C-alpha atoms as a PDB file:
ATOM      1  CA  MET A   1       5.970  23.987  -6.918  1.00  0.00           C
ATOM      2  CA  ALA A   2       4.753  27.241  -8.685  1.00  0.00           C
ATOM      3  CA  ALA A   3       1.222  28.744  -7.832  1.00  0.00           C
ATOM      4  CA  SER A   4       0.180  28.300 -11.477  1.00  0.00           C
ATOM      5  CA  THR A   5       1.205  24.574 -11.391  1.00  0.00           C
ATOM      6  CA  LEU A   6      -0.684  24.066  -8.168  1.00  0.00           C
ATOM      7  CA  VAL A   7      -3.882  25.848  -9.531  1.00  0.00           C
ATOM      8  CA  THR A   8      -3.354  23.381 -12.873  1.00  0.00           C
ATOM      9  CA  VAL A   9      -3.288  20.200 -10.646  1.00  0.00           C
ATOM     10  CA  LYS A  10      -6.027  21.341  -8.344  1.00  0.00           C
ATOM     11  CA  LEU A  11      -8.311  21.951 -11.296  1.00  0.00           C
ATOM     12  CA  SER A  12      -7.474  18.668 -12.916  1.00  0.00           C
ATOM     13  CA  LEU A  13      -8.238  16.724  -9.437  1.00  0.00           C
ATOM     14  CA  GLU A  14     -11.415  18.878  -9.324  1.00  0.00           C
ATOM     15  CA  ILE A  15     -12.402  17.523 -12.857  1.00  0.00           C
ATOM     16  CA  LEU A  16     -11.495  14.032 -12.120  1.00  0.00           C
ATOM     17  CA  GLY A  17     -13.602  14.212  -9.072  1.00  0.00           C
ATOM     18  CA  ALA A  18     -16.594  15.415 -10.967  1.00  0.00           C
ATOM     19  CA  LEU A  19     -15.958  12.413 -13.374  1.00  0.00           C
ATOM     20  CA  ILE A  20     -15.714   9.867 -10.751  1.00  0.00           C
ATOM     21  CA  GLY A  21     -18.862  11.292  -9.302  1.00  0.00           C
ATOM     22  CA  PHE A  22     -20.540  10.970 -12.315  1.00  0.00           C
ATOM     23  CA  MET A  23     -19.600   7.095 -12.218  1.00  0.00           C
ATOM     24  CA  VAL A  24     -20.915   6.892  -8.784  1.00  0.00           C
ATOM     25  CA  LEU A  25     -24.257   8.117 -10.257  1.00  0.00           C
ATOM     26  CA  VAL A  26     -24.369   5.784 -13.193  1.00  0.00           C
ATOM     27  CA  LYS A  27     -23.570   2.978 -10.931  1.00  0.00           C
ATOM     28  CA  LEU A  28     -26.498   3.682  -8.537  1.00  0.00           C
ATOM     29  CA  ALA A  29     -28.912   4.381 -11.509  1.00  0.00           C
ATOM     30  CA  PHE A  30     -27.823   0.860 -12.854  1.00  0.00           C
ATOM     31  CA  ARG A  31     -28.508  -0.817  -9.711  1.00  0.00           C
ATOM     32  CA  ARG A  32     -31.776   0.949  -9.231  1.00  0.00           C
ATOM     33  CA  LEU A  33     -33.119   0.278 -12.578  1.00  0.00           C
ATOM     34  CA  GLY A  34     -31.922  -3.185 -12.516  1.00  0.00           C
ATOM     35  CA  LEU A  35     -30.007  -2.991 -15.589  1.00  0.00           C
ATOM     36  CA  ARG A  36     -27.453  -5.269 -16.884  1.00  0.00           C
ATOM     37  CA  ALA A  37     -24.277  -4.715 -19.214  1.00  0.00           C
ATOM     38  CA  PRO A  38     -24.585  -6.053 -22.621  1.00  0.00           C
ATOM     39  CA  ILE A  39     -21.435  -8.430 -22.257  1.00  0.00           C
ATOM     40  CA  PRO A  40     -21.605 -10.174 -18.938  1.00  0.00           C
ATOM     41  CA  SER A  41     -17.798  -9.495 -18.260  1.00  0.00           C
ATOM     42  CA  GLN A  42     -18.619  -5.927 -18.258  1.00  0.00           C
ATOM     43  CA  ASP A  43     -20.426  -6.185 -14.545  1.00  0.00           C
ATOM     44  CA  PHE A  44     -16.960  -5.821 -13.001  1.00  0.00           C
ATOM     45  CA  ALA A  45     -16.680  -2.366 -14.594  1.00  0.00           C
ATOM     46  CA  LEU A  46     -19.749  -1.462 -12.898  1.00  0.00           C
ATOM     47  CA  SER A  47     -18.460  -2.610  -9.451  1.00  0.00           C
ATOM     48  CA  TRP A  48     -17.448  -0.070  -6.415  1.00  0.00           C
ATOM     49  CA  ARG A  49     -14.032  -1.661  -6.413  1.00  0.00           C
ATOM     50  CA  MET A  50     -13.460  -0.824 -10.088  1.00  0.00           C
ATOM     51  CA  ILE A  51     -14.819   2.885  -9.309  1.00  0.00           C
ATOM     52  CA  ALA A  52     -12.290   3.321  -6.424  1.00  0.00           C
ATOM     53  CA  LEU A  53      -9.529   1.668  -8.525  1.00  0.00           C
ATOM     54  CA  ILE A  54     -10.137   4.165 -11.413  1.00  0.00           C
ATOM     55  CA  ALA A  55     -10.302   6.842  -8.747  1.00  0.00           C
ATOM     56  CA  GLY A  56      -6.848   6.016  -7.383  1.00  0.00           C
ATOM     57  CA  MET A  57      -5.339   5.618 -10.973  1.00  0.00           C
ATOM     58  CA  GLY A  58      -6.600   9.052 -11.903  1.00  0.00           C
ATOM     59  CA  VAL A  59      -4.986  10.827  -8.935  1.00  0.00           C
ATOM     60  CA  ALA A  60      -1.734   9.127  -9.416  1.00  0.00           C
ATOM     61  CA  GLY A  61      -2.121   9.820 -13.309  1.00  0.00           C
ATOM     62  CA  ILE A  62      -2.542  13.544 -12.594  1.00  0.00           C
ATOM     63  CA  VAL A  63       0.647  13.790 -10.197  1.00  0.00           C
ATOM     64  CA  LEU A  64       2.532  11.813 -12.836  1.00  0.00           C
ATOM     65  CA  SER A  65       1.388  13.950 -15.661  1.00  0.00           C
ATOM     66  CA  GLU A  66       2.416  16.998 -14.009  1.00  0.00           C
ATOM     67  CA  TRP A  67       5.897  15.710 -13.203  1.00  0.00           C
ATOM     68  CA  LEU A  68       6.383  14.467 -16.907  1.00  0.00           C
ATOM     69  CA  GLY A  69       5.079  17.746 -18.158  1.00  0.00           C
ATOM     70  CA  VAL A  70       1.725  16.565 -19.881  1.00  0.00           C
ATOM     71  CA  PRO A  71      -0.714  18.936 -20.025  1.00  0.00           C
ATOM     72  CA  GLY A  72      -3.348  19.315 -17.429  1.00  0.00           C
ATOM     73  CA  PHE A  73      -6.994  18.923 -17.657  1.00  0.00           C
ATOM     74  CA  TRP A  74      -7.432  22.495 -18.131  1.00  0.00           C
ATOM     75  CA  GLY A  75      -5.499  25.792 -17.791  1.00  0.00           C
ATOM     76  CA  SER A  76      -2.454  24.672 -19.329  1.00  0.00           C
ATOM     77  CA  GLY A  77      -2.554  26.949 -22.495  1.00  0.00           C
ATOM     78  CA  VAL A  78      -3.731  24.340 -24.907  1.00  0.00           C
ATOM     79  CA  SER A  79      -6.390  25.728 -27.222  1.00  0.00           C
ATOM     80  CA  PRO A  80      -9.921  24.445 -26.617  1.00  0.00           C
ATOM     81  CA  TRP A  81     -10.081  23.589 -30.509  1.00  0.00           C
ATOM     82  CA  LEU A  82      -7.345  20.880 -29.894  1.00  0.00           C
ATOM     83  CA  ILE A  83      -8.868  19.603 -26.573  1.00  0.00           C
ATOM     84  CA  PHE A  84     -12.328  19.386 -27.826  1.00  0.00           C
ATOM     85  CA  ALA A  85     -13.168  20.232 -31.521  1.00  0.00           C
ATOM     86  CA  LEU A  86     -10.326  18.428 -33.127  1.00  0.00           C
ATOM     87  CA  PRO A  87     -10.980  14.848 -30.993  1.00  0.00           C
ATOM     88  CA  ALA A  88     -14.398  15.352 -31.389  1.00  0.00           C
ATOM     89  CA  ALA A  89     -14.220  15.321 -35.158  1.00  0.00           C
ATOM     90  CA  LEU A  90     -11.879  12.433 -35.481  1.00  0.00           C
ATOM     91  CA  GLY A  91     -13.866  10.475 -32.904  1.00  0.00           C
ATOM     92  CA  LEU A  92     -17.163  11.218 -34.696  1.00  0.00           C
ATOM     93  CA  ALA A  93     -15.552  10.119 -38.104  1.00  0.00           C
ATOM     94  CA  TYR A  94     -14.198   6.852 -36.341  1.00  0.00           C
ATOM     95  CA  GLY A  95     -17.529   6.112 -35.016  1.00  0.00           C
ATOM     96  CA  ALA A  96     -19.420   6.443 -38.303  1.00  0.00           C
ATOM     97  CA  TRP A  97     -16.782   4.374 -39.729  1.00  0.00           C
ATOM     98  CA  MET A  98     -17.308   1.614 -37.418  1.00  0.00           C
ATOM     99  CA  ALA A  99     -21.094   1.636 -37.795  1.00  0.00           C
ATOM    100  CA  VAL A 100     -20.497   1.319 -41.632  1.00  0.00           C
ATOM    101  CA  THR A 101     -18.541  -1.505 -41.325  1.00  0.00           C
ATOM    102  CA  ASP A 102     -20.796  -3.195 -38.905  1.00  0.00           C
ATOM    103  CA  LEU A 103     -23.978  -3.040 -41.360  1.00  0.00           C
ATOM    104  CA  PRO A 104     -23.025  -6.570 -43.060  1.00  0.00           C
ATOM    105  CA  ARG A 105     -23.245  -8.613 -39.791  1.00  0.00           C
ATOM    106  CA  PRO A 106     -24.222  -6.665 -36.621  1.00  0.00           C
ATOM    107  CA  ALA A 107     -22.588  -7.505 -33.738  1.00  0.00           C
ATOM    108  CA  PRO A 108     -24.909  -7.577 -30.562  1.00  0.00           C
ATOM    109  CA  VAL A 109     -22.614  -5.698 -28.353  1.00  0.00           C
ATOM    110  CA  HIS A 110     -24.775  -2.524 -27.501  1.00  0.00           C
ATOM    111  CA  LEU A 111     -26.724  -1.648 -24.538  1.00  0.00           C
ATOM    112  CA  GLU A 112     -30.038  -1.058 -26.402  1.00  0.00           C
ATOM    113  CA  SER A 113     -31.477   1.382 -23.786  1.00  0.00           C
ATOM    114  CA  ALA A 114     -32.280   4.822 -23.087  1.00  0.00           C
ATOM    115  CA  PHE A 115     -29.682   4.426 -20.328  1.00  0.00           C
ATOM    116  CA  ALA A 116     -27.012   3.820 -23.126  1.00  0.00           C
ATOM    117  CA  PRO A 117     -25.367   7.596 -23.328  1.00  0.00           C
ATOM    118  CA  LEU A 118     -24.581   7.377 -19.435  1.00  0.00           C
ATOM    119  CA  PHE A 119     -23.461   3.716 -19.781  1.00  0.00           C
ATOM    120  CA  TYR A 120     -20.975   4.411 -22.429  1.00  0.00           C
ATOM    121  CA  ALA A 121     -20.066   7.698 -21.099  1.00  0.00           C
ATOM    122  CA  TYR A 122     -18.975   5.816 -17.830  1.00  0.00           C
ATOM    123  CA  GLY A 123     -17.228   3.303 -19.853  1.00  0.00           C
ATOM    124  CA  ALA A 124     -15.375   6.092 -21.937  1.00  0.00           C
ATOM    125  CA  ILE A 125     -14.104   7.609 -18.550  1.00  0.00           C
ATOM    126  CA  LEU A 126     -12.970   4.153 -17.097  1.00  0.00           C
ATOM    127  CA  LEU A 127     -10.930   2.948 -20.293  1.00  0.00           C
ATOM    128  CA  GLU A 128      -9.262   6.575 -20.698  1.00  0.00           C
ATOM    129  CA  VAL A 129      -8.183   6.732 -17.155  1.00  0.00           C
ATOM    130  CA  PHE A 130      -6.868   3.714 -17.057  1.00  0.00           C
ATOM    131  CA  LEU A 131      -5.185   3.337 -20.635  1.00  0.00           C
ATOM    132  CA  ARG A 132      -3.922   6.964 -20.951  1.00  0.00           C
ATOM    133  CA  LEU A 133      -3.897   9.004 -17.901  1.00  0.00           C
ATOM    134  CA  PHE A 134      -2.526   6.125 -15.600  1.00  0.00           C
ATOM    135  CA  ALA A 135      -0.940   3.501 -17.853  1.00  0.00           C
ATOM    136  CA  ILE A 136       0.944   5.771 -20.079  1.00  0.00           C
ATOM    137  CA  THR A 137       2.312   7.958 -17.547  1.00  0.00           C
ATOM    138  CA  ALA A 138       3.253   5.075 -15.109  1.00  0.00           C
ATOM    139  CA  LEU A 139       5.343   3.301 -17.915  1.00  0.00           C
ATOM    140  CA  VAL A 140       6.793   6.342 -19.121  1.00  0.00           C
ATOM    141  CA  SER A 141       8.028   7.659 -15.490  1.00  0.00           C
ATOM    142  CA  LEU A 142      10.030   4.244 -15.105  1.00  0.00           C
ATOM    143  CA  PRO A 143      12.430   4.898 -17.842  1.00  0.00           C
ATOM    144  CA  VAL A 144      12.710   8.502 -17.046  1.00  0.00           C
ATOM    145  CA  LEU A 145      13.510   7.927 -13.365  1.00  0.00           C
ATOM    146  CA  ALA A 146      16.075   5.399 -14.431  1.00  0.00           C
ATOM    147  CA  LEU A 147      17.698   7.242 -17.590  1.00  0.00           C
ATOM    148  CA  GLY A 148      16.835  10.929 -17.468  1.00  0.00           C
ATOM    149  CA  ASN A 149      14.827  13.088 -19.643  1.00  0.00           C
ATOM    150  CA  ARG A 150      16.564  11.860 -22.769  1.00  0.00           C
ATOM    151  CA  ALA A 151      14.406   8.554 -22.352  1.00  0.00           C
ATOM    152  CA  GLU A 152      11.073  10.339 -22.257  1.00  0.00           C
ATOM    153  CA  GLN A 153       9.982  10.638 -26.115  1.00  0.00           C
ATOM    154  CA  PRO A 154      11.036   6.890 -26.819  1.00  0.00           C
ATOM    155  CA  ALA A 155       9.536   5.769 -23.588  1.00  0.00           C
ATOM    156  CA  PHE A 156       6.115   7.543 -24.632  1.00  0.00           C
ATOM    157  CA  TRP A 157       5.877   5.951 -27.992  1.00  0.00           C
ATOM    158  CA  ILE A 158       6.493   2.397 -26.447  1.00  0.00           C
ATOM    159  CA  SER A 159       3.998   2.971 -23.644  1.00  0.00           C
ATOM    160  CA  ALA A 160       1.345   4.584 -25.725  1.00  0.00           C
ATOM    161  CA  SER A 161       1.936   1.161 -28.317  1.00  0.00           C
ATOM    162  CA  ILE A 162       1.618  -1.184 -25.062  1.00  0.00           C
ATOM    163  CA  ALA A 163      -1.729   0.947 -24.116  1.00  0.00           C
ATOM    164  CA  ALA A 164      -3.067   0.777 -27.741  1.00  0.00           C
ATOM    165  CA  LEU A 165      -2.680  -2.962 -27.534  1.00  0.00           C
ATOM    166  CA  TYR A 166      -5.399  -3.630 -24.828  1.00  0.00           C
ATOM    167  CA  GLU A 167      -8.225  -3.597 -27.158  1.00  0.00           C
ATOM    168  CA  PRO A 168      -6.923  -5.568 -30.126  1.00  0.00           C
ATOM    169  CA  SER A 169      -4.747  -7.982 -27.999  1.00  0.00           C
ATOM    170  CA  PRO A 170      -7.778 -10.578 -27.602  1.00  0.00           C
ATOM    171  CA  TYR A 171      -8.276 -10.864 -31.418  1.00  0.00           C
ATOM    172  CA  MET A 172      -4.361 -11.117 -31.932  1.00  0.00           C
ATOM    173  CA  ILE A 173      -4.042 -13.727 -29.588  1.00  0.00           C
ATOM    174  CA  ALA A 174      -7.261 -15.636 -30.692  1.00  0.00           C
ATOM    175  CA  ALA A 175      -5.847 -15.422 -34.408  1.00  0.00           C
ATOM    176  CA  ALA A 176      -2.191 -16.679 -33.418  1.00  0.00           C
ATOM    177  CA  ARG A 177      -4.050 -19.766 -31.618  1.00  0.00           C
ATOM    178  CA  LYS A 178      -5.974 -20.501 -35.031  1.00  0.00           C
ATOM    179  CA  SER A 179      -2.673 -20.679 -37.005  1.00  0.00           C
ATOM    180  CA  SER A 180       0.452 -22.722 -37.004  1.00  0.00           C
ATOM    181  CA  GLY A 181       4.221 -22.039 -37.983  1.00  0.00           C
ATOM    182  CA  LEU A 182       4.552 -18.855 -39.746  1.00  0.00           C
ATOM    183  CA  GLY A 183       0.915 -18.182 -39.973  1.00  0.00           C
ATOM    184  CA  LYS A 184       0.704 -16.831 -36.363  1.00  0.00           C
ATOM    185  CA  VAL A 185       2.820 -13.670 -37.953  1.00  0.00           C
ATOM    186  CA  ARG A 186      -0.742 -12.908 -39.473  1.00  0.00           C
ATOM    187  CA  ALA A 187      -1.834 -11.689 -36.092  1.00  0.00           C
ATOM    188  CA  LEU A 188       0.533  -8.789 -36.363  1.00  0.00           C
ATOM    189  CA  GLY A 189      -1.704  -7.487 -39.244  1.00  0.00           C
ATOM    190  CA  PHE A 190      -3.846  -6.200 -36.285  1.00  0.00           C
ATOM    191  CA  LEU A 191      -1.241  -3.335 -35.788  1.00  0.00           C
ATOM    192  CA  LEU A 192      -2.196  -2.041 -39.007  1.00  0.00           C
ATOM    193  CA  ARG A 193      -6.043  -1.987 -38.347  1.00  0.00           C
ATOM    194  CA  PRO A 194      -8.144   1.073 -37.142  1.00  0.00           C
ATOM    195  CA  LEU A 195      -8.671  -0.316 -33.606  1.00  0.00           C
ATOM    196  CA  PHE A 196      -5.060  -0.210 -32.667  1.00  0.00           C
ATOM    197  CA  LEU A 197      -4.227   2.734 -34.749  1.00  0.00           C
ATOM    198  CA  THR A 198      -6.878   5.060 -33.237  1.00  0.00           C
ATOM    199  CA  ASN A 199      -5.762   3.918 -29.865  1.00  0.00           C
ATOM    200  CA  LEU A 200      -2.276   4.877 -30.554  1.00  0.00           C
ATOM    201  CA  LEU A 201      -3.678   8.147 -31.876  1.00  0.00           C
ATOM    202  CA  GLN A 202      -5.342   8.600 -28.547  1.00  0.00           C
ATOM    203  CA  GLY A 203      -2.068   8.416 -26.856  1.00  0.00           C
ATOM    204  CA  TYR A 204      -0.800  11.169 -28.905  1.00  0.00           C
ATOM    205  CA  LEU A 205      -3.711  13.318 -27.969  1.00  0.00           C
ATOM    206  CA  PHE A 206      -3.333  12.857 -24.295  1.00  0.00           C
ATOM    207  CA  TRP A 207       0.294  13.614 -24.525  1.00  0.00           C
ATOM    208  CA  SER A 208      -0.013  16.527 -26.598  1.00  0.00           C
ATOM    209  CA  PHE A 209      -3.252  17.981 -25.460  1.00  0.00           C
ATOM    210  CA  GLY A 210      -4.101  16.520 -22.204  1.00  0.00           C
ATOM    211  CA  PHE A 211      -6.813  13.923 -20.643  1.00  0.00           C
ATOM    212  CA  LEU A 212      -9.834  15.702 -22.201  1.00  0.00           C
ATOM    213  CA  ALA A 213      -8.771  15.508 -25.490  1.00  0.00           C
ATOM    214  CA  THR A 214      -8.354  11.692 -25.636  1.00  0.00           C
ATOM    215  CA  LEU A 215     -11.554  11.468 -23.440  1.00  0.00           C
ATOM    216  CA  THR A 216     -13.414  13.614 -25.926  1.00  0.00           C
ATOM    217  CA  PHE A 217     -12.665  11.276 -28.894  1.00  0.00           C
ATOM    218  CA  ARG A 218     -13.799   8.376 -27.146  1.00  0.00           C
ATOM    219  CA  LEU A 219     -17.043  10.045 -26.258  1.00  0.00           C
ATOM    220  CA  ALA A 220     -17.648  11.113 -29.604  1.00  0.00           C
ATOM    221  CA  GLU A 221     -16.798   7.667 -31.298  1.00  0.00           C
ATOM    222  CA  TYR A 222     -19.306   6.024 -28.546  1.00  0.00           C
ATOM    223  CA  LEU A 223     -21.836   8.781 -29.431  1.00  0.00           C
ATOM    224  CA  ILE A 224     -21.909   7.298 -32.915  1.00  0.00           C
ATOM    225  CA  TRP A 225     -20.927   3.789 -32.562  1.00  0.00           C
ATOM    226  CA  HIS A 226     -22.906   2.701 -29.382  1.00  0.00           C
ATOM    227  CA  VAL A 227     -25.736   5.190 -28.882  1.00  0.00           C
ATOM    228  CA  VAL A 228     -26.899   6.604 -32.330  1.00  0.00           C
ATOM    229  CA  TYR A 229     -26.110   3.585 -34.172  1.00  0.00           C
ATOM    230  CA  GLY A 230     -25.964   0.553 -31.433  1.00  0.00           C
ATOM    231  CA  ALA A 231     -28.767   1.903 -29.231  1.00  0.00           C
ATOM    232  CA  TRP A 232     -31.073   3.566 -31.787  1.00  0.00           C
ATOM    233  CA  LEU A 233     -30.606   2.596 -35.494  1.00  0.00           C
ATOM    234  CA  ALA A 234     -29.379  -0.820 -35.171  1.00  0.00           C
ATOM    235  CA  PRO A 235     -32.219  -2.274 -33.129  1.00  0.00           C
ATOM    236  CA  ARG A 236     -34.666  -0.976 -35.569  1.00  0.00           C
ATOM    237  CA  ARG A 237     -32.781  -2.321 -38.610  1.00  0.00           C
ATOM    238  CA  ASN A 238     -32.282  -5.741 -36.940  1.00  0.00           C
ATOM    239  CA  ALA A 239     -35.804  -5.983 -36.108  1.00  0.00           C
ATOM    240  CA  ARG A 240     -36.931  -5.875 -39.800  1.00  0.00           C
ATOM    241  CA  VAL A 241     -33.939  -8.208 -40.799  1.00  0.00           C
ATOM    242  CA  PRO A 242     -33.454 -11.704 -39.101  1.00  0.00           C
ATOM    243  CA  ARG A 243     -30.130 -12.721 -38.617  1.00  0.00           C
ATOM    244  CA  GLU A 244     -28.262 -15.356 -36.734  1.00  0.00           C
ATOM    245  CA  PRO A 245     -26.739 -13.872 -33.469  1.00  0.00           C
ATOM    246  CA  ALA A 246     -22.821 -13.691 -33.356  1.00  0.00           C
ATOM    247  CA  ARG A 247     -21.084 -15.546 -30.480  1.00  0.00           C
ATOM    248  CA  LEU A 248     -19.388 -13.218 -28.125  1.00  0.00           C
ATOM    249  CA  PRO A 249     -15.895 -13.836 -26.266  1.00  0.00           C
ATOM    250  CA  ALA A 250     -15.785 -13.084 -22.401  1.00  0.00           C
ATOM    251  CA  GLN A 251     -13.782 -10.097 -22.942  1.00  0.00           C
ATOM    252  CA  PHE A 252     -14.304  -6.766 -21.041  1.00  0.00           C
ATOM    253  CA  SER A 253     -14.042  -4.099 -24.031  1.00  0.00           C
ATOM    254  CA  ARG A 254     -14.496  -6.415 -27.089  1.00  0.00           C
ATOM    255  CA  SER A 255     -17.251  -6.692 -29.753  1.00  0.00           C
ATOM    256  CA  GLY A 256     -17.349 -10.086 -31.221  1.00  0.00           C
ATOM    257  CA  THR A 257     -15.500 -11.892 -33.951  1.00  0.00           C
ATOM    258  CA  SER A 258     -14.473  -8.510 -35.340  1.00  0.00           C
ATOM    259  CA  ALA A 259     -12.475  -6.097 -33.745  1.00  0.00           C
ATOM    260  CA  ARG A 260     -14.729  -3.224 -32.580  1.00  0.00           C
ATOM    261  CA  ARG A 261     -15.080  -1.732 -29.356  1.00  0.00           C
ATOM    262  CA  SER A 262     -17.760  -2.513 -27.062  1.00  0.00           C
ATOM    263  CA  VAL A 263     -16.865  -0.495 -24.148  1.00  0.00           C
END
């Protein structure tokens, strides 16, 4: 392995270590302050087992990324504008869109606390390590091992699509169960909705510009959707407008009856 490659991998591992360290601090603070996740099923995401699992997935993802030629976290020659500025702009725009579409019937899925920025940064790291850094590289590596480099590009798009299904899949399943016959095909309409398409975009950002690009997208989105809107603006608005609370499914990263992100 070339010296420059070793430096890039070492830097990626150091950044991953810092991110995992941040997750540990959030976990400790959550316990000390006696806070609870806004959705009960999110409690497992704050467990020590999950943190250890994400750390292992992250290390494996970095190794596989280097083998597949995916840009490292830093030092791979990718412009900072493509790592931070472009994903941040896209994430902010998507977060604003989510907030606007939530206005008619707000979904009670946000942590309404001053701790919200740290909680949702934790969730962003967890999901992006799992869905992009680990899942995509692991899925792509299998056909590349079996068929060679010619399988890499189609394998990436298939893998990115599978990872992108994680968030909308509960809604697709619910829609299919409520329908009969050919009506079940309507569930495929979720593949044309922003929740799936933005996840697919994040797969592209990861593959083209590295892990920090897709993490930046989600952090920017969560800043608007969960923090500015969910933790600050929505509670003040809801306090003035009485409404019937929406019912929540027991799903880790879902919002409510509409396909919105919760973690």
